[in-house]
Structures are given as C-alpha cells and as structure tokens.
Protein backbone atom coordinates (compact mmCIF):
# COMPACT_ATOMS: atom_id res chain seq x y z
CA UNK A 1 120.22 66.15 100.73
CA UNK A 2 118.28 62.90 101.11
CA UNK A 3 115.05 64.46 99.59
CA UNK A 4 116.75 65.96 96.67
CA UNK A 5 118.37 62.56 95.77
CA UNK A 6 115.24 60.88 96.03
CA UNK A 7 113.77 63.13 93.49
CA UNK A 8 116.77 62.41 91.44
CA UNK A 9 116.01 58.75 91.67
CA UNK A 10 112.47 59.32 90.33
CA UNK A 11 113.71 61.45 87.33
CA UNK A 12 116.86 59.23 86.31
CA UNK A 13 116.20 57.58 82.99
CA UNK A 14 119.12 55.37 82.56
CA UNK A 15 120.19 52.39 84.46
CA UNK A 16 123.58 54.08 85.18
CA UNK A 17 121.94 57.20 86.34
CA UNK A 18 119.77 55.11 88.64
CA UNK A 19 122.84 53.29 90.08
CA UNK A 20 124.60 56.50 90.66
CA UNK A 21 121.86 58.05 92.69
CA UNK A 22 121.30 54.90 94.70
CA UNK A 23 125.08 54.89 95.28
CA UNK A 24 124.85 58.46 96.54
CA UNK A 25 122.11 57.66 98.67
CA UNK A 26 123.97 54.76 100.27
CA UNK A 27 127.17 57.03 100.90
CA UNK A 28 124.84 59.55 102.46
CA UNK A 29 123.06 56.99 104.82
CA UNK A 30 126.69 55.62 105.73
CA UNK A 31 127.62 58.94 106.58
CA UNK A 32 124.58 59.58 108.98
CA UNK A 33 125.06 55.89 110.34
CA UNK A 34 121.76 54.70 108.92
CA UNK A 35 123.08 51.49 108.20
CA UNK A 36 120.08 49.52 107.12
CA UNK A 37 119.05 52.23 104.77
CA UNK A 38 122.79 52.23 103.47
CA UNK A 39 122.60 48.41 102.98
CA UNK A 40 119.33 48.78 101.07
CA UNK A 41 120.44 51.38 98.68
CA UNK A 42 123.65 49.98 98.05
CA UNK A 43 122.44 46.54 97.39
CA UNK A 44 120.01 47.89 94.79
CA UNK A 45 122.78 49.79 93.20
CA UNK A 46 124.73 46.62 92.84
CA UNK A 47 121.66 44.83 91.10
CA UNK A 48 122.00 47.55 88.58
CA UNK A 49 125.67 47.86 88.10
CA UNK A 50 127.35 44.63 89.78
CA UNK A 51 130.85 45.63 88.72
CA UNK A 52 131.01 49.03 90.50
CA UNK A 53 134.04 49.05 92.67
CA UNK A 54 132.98 51.91 94.72
CA UNK A 55 129.58 50.36 95.46
CA UNK A 56 131.29 47.01 96.61
CA UNK A 57 133.65 49.01 98.75
CA UNK A 58 130.90 50.84 100.36
CA UNK A 59 128.55 47.84 100.88
CA UNK A 60 131.39 46.23 102.70
CA UNK A 61 131.74 49.10 104.99
CA UNK A 62 128.09 48.91 105.65
CA UNK A 63 128.11 45.29 106.76
CA UNK A 64 131.02 46.18 109.27
CA UNK A 65 128.85 49.04 110.88
CA UNK A 66 125.96 46.82 111.78
CA UNK A 67 125.01 47.30 115.39
CA UNK A 68 124.52 43.64 115.95
CA UNK A 69 127.42 42.20 113.66
CA UNK A 70 128.19 38.48 113.28
CA UNK A 71 131.15 36.58 111.70
CA UNK A 72 128.77 36.10 108.78
CA UNK A 73 128.54 39.91 108.33
CA UNK A 74 132.31 40.13 108.42
CA UNK A 75 132.50 37.29 105.69
CA UNK A 76 130.04 39.26 103.40
CA UNK A 77 132.06 42.52 103.95
CA UNK A 78 135.28 40.73 103.04
CA UNK A 79 133.61 39.38 99.86
CA UNK A 80 132.63 42.80 98.90
CA UNK A 81 135.98 44.33 99.60
CA UNK A 82 137.68 41.56 97.35
CA UNK A 83 135.14 42.40 94.59
CA UNK A 84 136.24 45.97 94.72
CA UNK A 85 140.03 45.25 94.90
CA UNK A 86 139.68 43.26 91.76
CA UNK A 87 138.78 46.56 89.87
CA UNK A 88 141.03 48.70 92.09
CA UNK A 89 143.95 46.70 93.43
CA UNK A 90 145.99 49.31 95.14
CA UNK A 91 143.18 51.02 97.11
CA UNK A 92 144.85 50.78 100.49
CA UNK A 93 141.90 51.90 102.72
CA UNK A 94 139.72 48.95 101.01
CA UNK A 95 142.73 46.55 101.55
CA UNK A 96 143.09 47.56 105.08
CA UNK A 97 139.37 47.13 105.55
CA UNK A 98 139.67 43.55 104.02
CA UNK A 99 142.62 42.86 106.49
CA UNK A 100 140.35 44.13 109.20
CA UNK A 101 137.60 41.44 108.46
CA UNK A 102 140.16 38.73 108.85
CA UNK A 103 141.08 40.20 112.21
CA UNK A 104 137.66 40.42 113.51
CA UNK A 105 137.01 37.04 112.74
CA UNK A 106 140.34 35.52 114.40
CA UNK A 107 141.92 34.65 111.18
CA UNK A 108 145.11 36.13 112.37
CA UNK A 109 147.57 34.63 109.91
CA UNK A 110 145.53 36.07 106.69
CA UNK A 111 145.24 39.52 108.52
CA UNK A 112 148.84 39.60 109.38
CA UNK A 113 149.76 39.05 105.67
CA UNK A 114 147.33 41.50 104.39
CA UNK A 115 148.82 44.31 106.75
CA UNK A 116 152.33 43.58 106.07
CA UNK A 117 151.69 43.45 102.20
CA UNK A 118 150.18 47.19 102.72
CA UNK A 119 153.01 48.25 104.72
CA UNK A 120 155.47 47.15 102.25
CA UNK A 121 153.67 49.64 99.83
CA UNK A 122 153.00 52.37 102.33
CA UNK A 123 154.98 52.05 105.70
CA UNK A 124 153.05 54.93 107.09
CA UNK A 125 149.72 53.43 106.72
CA UNK A 126 148.24 54.17 110.18
CA UNK A 127 145.18 51.95 110.09
CA UNK A 128 147.65 48.85 108.95
CA UNK A 129 149.95 49.71 111.78
CA UNK A 130 147.32 49.65 114.43
CA UNK A 131 145.50 46.64 112.67
CA UNK A 132 148.89 44.71 112.73
CA UNK A 133 149.36 45.78 116.31
CA UNK A 134 145.64 44.17 117.28
CA UNK A 135 146.74 41.11 115.16
CA UNK A 136 149.66 40.51 117.41
CA UNK A 137 147.45 41.08 120.66
CA UNK A 138 145.24 38.49 119.27
CA UNK A 139 148.15 36.08 118.60
CA UNK A 140 149.19 36.65 122.37
CA UNK A 141 145.89 35.78 123.56
CA UNK A 142 146.13 32.47 121.75
CA UNK A 143 149.19 31.74 123.70
CA UNK A 144 152.07 33.09 121.59
CA UNK A 145 152.86 35.64 124.57
CA UNK A 146 156.02 37.01 122.57
CA UNK A 147 153.66 38.70 120.18
CA UNK A 148 152.60 41.18 122.84
CA UNK A 149 156.19 43.11 122.39
CA UNK A 150 155.41 43.29 118.68
CA UNK A 151 151.88 44.70 119.19
CA UNK A 152 153.53 47.39 121.53
CA UNK A 153 156.01 48.26 118.76
CA UNK A 154 153.35 48.75 116.14
CA UNK A 155 151.23 50.73 118.38
CA UNK A 156 153.97 52.93 119.34
CA UNK A 157 154.85 53.48 115.62
CA UNK A 158 151.28 54.38 114.51
CA UNK A 159 151.04 56.81 117.49
CA UNK A 160 154.24 58.51 116.84
CA UNK A 161 153.64 58.73 112.91
CA UNK A 162 150.15 60.14 113.46
CA UNK A 163 151.31 62.63 116.01
CA UNK A 164 154.29 63.89 113.73
CA UNK A 165 151.53 64.07 110.92
CA UNK A 166 153.88 61.71 108.72
CA UNK A 167 151.34 59.00 108.62
CA UNK A 168 148.42 58.22 106.20
CA UNK A 169 145.92 60.07 108.58
CA UNK A 170 145.41 61.91 111.83
CA UNK A 171 143.92 60.30 115.01
CA UNK A 172 140.80 61.70 116.39
CA UNK A 173 140.91 61.70 120.41
CA UNK A 174 138.70 58.61 120.42
CA UNK A 175 140.68 56.58 118.26
CA UNK A 176 143.83 57.78 120.08
CA UNK A 177 142.50 56.65 123.43
CA UNK A 178 141.52 53.19 122.01
CA UNK A 179 144.85 52.69 120.87
CA UNK A 180 146.63 53.84 123.91
CA UNK A 181 144.30 51.37 125.95
CA UNK A 182 145.25 48.43 123.52
CA UNK A 183 148.79 49.26 124.08
CA UNK A 184 148.48 49.60 127.85
CA UNK A 185 146.56 46.08 127.92
CA UNK A 186 149.43 44.62 125.67
CA UNK A 187 152.23 45.82 128.15
CA UNK A 188 150.07 44.50 131.02
CA UNK A 189 149.72 40.91 129.46
CA UNK A 190 153.58 40.90 128.47
CA UNK A 191 154.30 41.49 132.19
CA UNK A 192 151.84 38.75 133.33
CA UNK A 193 153.41 36.12 130.64
CA UNK A 194 156.92 37.05 131.35
CA UNK A 195 158.52 33.69 132.58
CA UNK A 196 161.77 34.80 133.82
CA UNK A 197 162.37 38.12 135.49
CA UNK A 198 159.21 40.56 135.39
CA UNK A 199 160.11 43.95 133.95
CA UNK A 200 158.36 46.38 136.35
CA UNK A 201 158.81 49.19 133.87
CA UNK A 202 156.10 47.51 131.78
CA UNK A 203 153.40 48.01 134.48
CA UNK A 204 154.73 51.63 135.06
CA UNK A 205 154.33 52.29 131.18
CA UNK A 206 150.75 50.65 131.38
CA UNK A 207 149.56 52.81 134.48
CA UNK A 208 150.79 56.01 132.44
CA UNK A 209 148.79 54.65 129.44
CA UNK A 210 145.81 54.28 131.32
CA UNK A 211 146.17 57.73 132.95
CA UNK A 212 146.34 59.10 129.49
CA UNK A 213 143.03 57.50 128.48
CA UNK A 214 141.39 58.84 131.40
CA UNK A 215 142.74 62.62 130.60
CA UNK A 216 141.09 62.06 127.15
CA UNK A 217 138.15 60.40 128.35
CA UNK A 218 137.23 61.09 131.92
CA UNK A 219 134.40 58.67 132.08
CA UNK A 220 136.32 55.89 130.68
CA UNK A 221 135.54 53.29 133.48
CA UNK A 222 137.60 50.39 132.07
CA UNK A 223 140.65 52.58 132.14
CA UNK A 224 140.07 53.74 135.64
CA UNK A 225 139.54 50.22 136.96
CA UNK A 226 142.77 48.90 135.07
CA UNK A 227 144.95 51.69 136.33
CA UNK A 228 143.68 50.97 140.09
CA UNK A 229 144.73 47.30 139.59
CA UNK A 230 148.06 48.31 138.64
CA UNK A 231 148.47 50.69 141.42
CA UNK A 232 147.65 47.81 143.81
CA UNK A 233 150.01 45.40 142.06
CA UNK A 234 152.85 47.77 142.28
CA UNK A 235 152.43 48.20 146.03
CA UNK A 236 152.39 44.55 146.73
CA UNK A 237 154.99 43.44 144.29
CA UNK A 238 157.25 46.08 145.63
CA UNK A 239 157.17 44.57 149.06
CA UNK A 240 157.34 41.02 147.73
CA UNK A 241 160.21 41.59 145.76
CA UNK A 242 162.07 42.93 148.67
CA UNK A 243 161.28 40.00 150.94
CA UNK A 244 162.08 37.56 148.25
CA UNK A 245 165.62 38.99 147.40
CA UNK A 246 166.67 39.86 150.94
CA UNK A 247 165.09 37.18 152.76
CA UNK A 248 164.29 37.26 156.67
CA UNK A 249 166.86 39.71 157.18
CA UNK A 250 164.58 42.46 155.47
CA UNK A 251 162.25 42.33 158.56
CA UNK A 252 165.15 43.59 160.65
CA UNK A 253 166.26 46.32 158.17
CA UNK A 254 162.75 47.62 157.65
CA UNK A 255 161.86 47.49 161.64
CA UNK A 256 165.13 49.03 162.51
CA UNK A 257 164.66 51.71 159.98
CA UNK A 258 161.16 52.54 161.33
CA UNK A 259 162.44 52.38 164.93
CA UNK A 260 165.32 54.87 164.07
CA UNK A 261 163.03 57.32 162.60
CA UNK A 262 160.69 57.22 165.33
CA UNK A 263 163.37 57.65 168.01
CA UNK A 264 164.88 60.39 165.94
CA UNK A 265 161.58 62.38 165.73
CA UNK A 266 161.03 61.54 169.35
CA UNK A 267 164.51 63.11 170.61
CA UNK A 268 164.57 65.93 168.08
CA UNK A 269 163.11 69.18 168.45
CA UNK A 270 160.16 68.35 165.95
CA UNK A 271 156.77 68.63 167.98
CA UNK A 272 156.00 65.61 169.95
CA UNK A 273 154.09 62.73 168.54
CA UNK A 274 151.82 60.52 170.64
CA UNK A 275 153.65 58.02 172.41
CA UNK A 276 152.06 54.99 170.84
CA UNK A 277 153.77 56.14 167.32
CA UNK A 278 157.39 55.23 168.79
CA UNK A 279 157.92 51.61 168.42
CA UNK A 280 160.03 50.22 171.24
CA UNK A 281 162.84 47.75 170.75
CA UNK A 282 160.77 45.12 172.67
CA UNK A 283 157.89 45.89 169.99
CA UNK A 284 160.42 45.41 167.05
CA UNK A 285 161.55 42.20 168.75
CA UNK A 286 158.26 40.84 169.38
CA UNK A 287 157.21 41.41 165.61
CA UNK A 288 160.42 39.66 164.51
CA UNK A 289 159.92 36.74 166.87
CA UNK A 290 156.30 36.31 165.60
CA UNK A 291 157.53 34.56 162.41
CA UNK A 292 160.10 31.68 162.05
CA UNK A 293 162.76 33.28 159.82
CA UNK A 294 164.35 29.87 158.87
CA UNK A 295 161.29 28.59 157.36
CA UNK A 296 159.54 31.72 156.37
CA UNK A 297 157.98 32.31 152.83
CA UNK A 298 158.27 35.50 150.97
CA UNK A 299 154.65 35.86 151.27
CA UNK A 300 154.78 35.52 155.20
CA UNK A 301 157.83 38.19 155.07
CA UNK A 302 155.82 40.47 152.99
CA UNK A 303 152.87 40.14 155.26
CA UNK A 304 155.11 40.98 158.31
CA UNK A 305 156.88 44.15 156.58
CA UNK A 306 153.33 45.23 155.77
CA UNK A 307 152.10 44.74 159.20
CA UNK A 308 155.03 46.66 160.66
CA UNK A 309 154.69 49.58 158.26
CA UNK A 310 150.97 49.67 158.89
CA UNK A 311 151.22 49.86 162.65
CA UNK A 312 153.66 52.79 162.37
CA UNK A 313 151.57 54.53 159.77
CA UNK A 314 148.19 54.20 161.65
CA UNK A 315 149.71 55.41 164.95
CA UNK A 316 151.57 58.41 163.61
CA UNK A 317 148.69 59.67 161.48
CA UNK A 318 150.62 59.37 158.15
CA UNK A 319 148.51 59.50 155.03
CA UNK A 320 149.54 56.74 152.99
CA UNK A 321 148.53 58.40 149.83
CA UNK A 322 150.47 61.67 150.37
C-alpha cells in the first residue's frame, strides 16, 4: 500500500492531489505506528493545505504517539486539535483528544471542563467518561481526596456502558485492563485518605479489580504486586481492628477460643494431634500476663493475638492459606 501511494505522489499534478496523497501516507504510517514518517508526511500535507481539519487532527494524534513524548509534544498536539475543531467543531473524538492533552499536562481544570462539555452532548462517550475519571484521580493526587470517589463513579459508568454495548465504543481487553487497574488504584487511595472510618469494602473491591486485571493479563506484574499488598493489609487490619474495638479483653476471648477448640479436639473421637498443639490454661495465662493490659496499645494487643494464633497454627500443622 505504501509503494502504491508513493507512486501516486510522483504522478500527482495538482497541489490538492499531492496533499491528499501525503495525508493518506500519514494515515497509513499512523496505522502501522511509524510515527516519525507519519509526522513527516502530515507536516508536508499541511504545508500544501494548511486548512485541512483532517490533517490537523491526524498530526495531533502523531504528536501524542511519540515514543519519548514531552509536554511540548502534548502542547503541539493540542494546537493541531484546536485547529481541526475550528473547522469541525462537533468532532467528539478530536475534542476528546484535546481534553486528553490537558490531562497529560496536568491542566486538570481545563481537561475537566472539556470532558464535561463532551458528555453534555454525548453522555455515553466512553473515552470522555474514562478521561474524566483520570482527571479526578489526578485531582485526588493533588490533595483533593474526595475526587477519588468521583473517579470510581466515572470508571464504573464507562465500563458498564461499554459492556452493555450502549456507549460510543467497545473496549479491548487491553483498554479494559488499564481502566480496571485505575479503578482499583482509586479505591485504594480513597481508603488510604479516609479521615474518619475506613471502609474495608474499598480494599475488597480493589483486590477484586486487581484479580480481574491478572485474569486479563497474567503477566501484569503491577497488578500482582498491588493485590499481594492488599491481602497483607487486610490480614493485619482485621486483627488490629479487633484489638482496637475490644481492647485487652480480646486477648482472653481469642485465647480461650483457641484453648476450647484444642481441648475439644483432644477429648473428641478425632485422630489424636501432637500434644504440643493443645494449649494449656497455664500457657494461655502466661501469654495474657506477658502484656500489661491496662496500658497496652492496639499494636501490642494485635501482636499478642497474632503470636497466640501463630503458636497454635505452627504446632497443629494448620495451613494458613487453606
């Protein structure tokens, strides 16, 4: 196809014909991700026909596809998108591309404004819903933590509309994985920045999102690492929460429960377990006495509960992950 177009370029006799061929060459180069060639052909086409909205739009895309992209490239892309929109004001894809350049250069207020204007015209525009979600993640990272909740809502809507085939486009597995990862990140950040009561459901939902990312992309190292961290946090948080709310009395409750189970198994008809797996009353008392329950912090109580459980687990051969 490229050879045919190059031949056409040689035989083109009018300026418009040459500009058309150069535009086609630029489009082809973009499609096969030869970005430098795309930029060269499209720039040459604009030199002949500087008012072509299509060429401006494609050259803007070329700037955003560069392998080593800078803020200056995004600014140049924005200028070309704006030129294109002057000729075709309601091209929502070009408009969304313009909003994305503001997002990438952290001009969040401008990006938010453009995405919202697009959604007023087309509420099911998927790229704008997801883009607005990314804007709110950026605002959250700048210190306005409440925006994480808005980000999650927009990611949810974009994913739902695409899945129901009611939005402006379908999502590829790669796109869906990236969006789900962003949603999980937003949920984790919303949990971390909560100043009053921590909503544990946010961590559970984030873990489910990271798990789904791994299902779509088994080699997704970032998702695997993030999921592992959440599992570790959930385990520690559960014990810490128990100790904080129930105080030092939790030590006796947990210890007595372990003793009861051990003694039940010992005197029941179940196969005998090693003697070391049955905690005696003296051992429980010793564990309780090892901490000053009047001045104990939740962290100390948590540590004692973990130690008590660990002793029972190790001695009885229980698999913690089973």
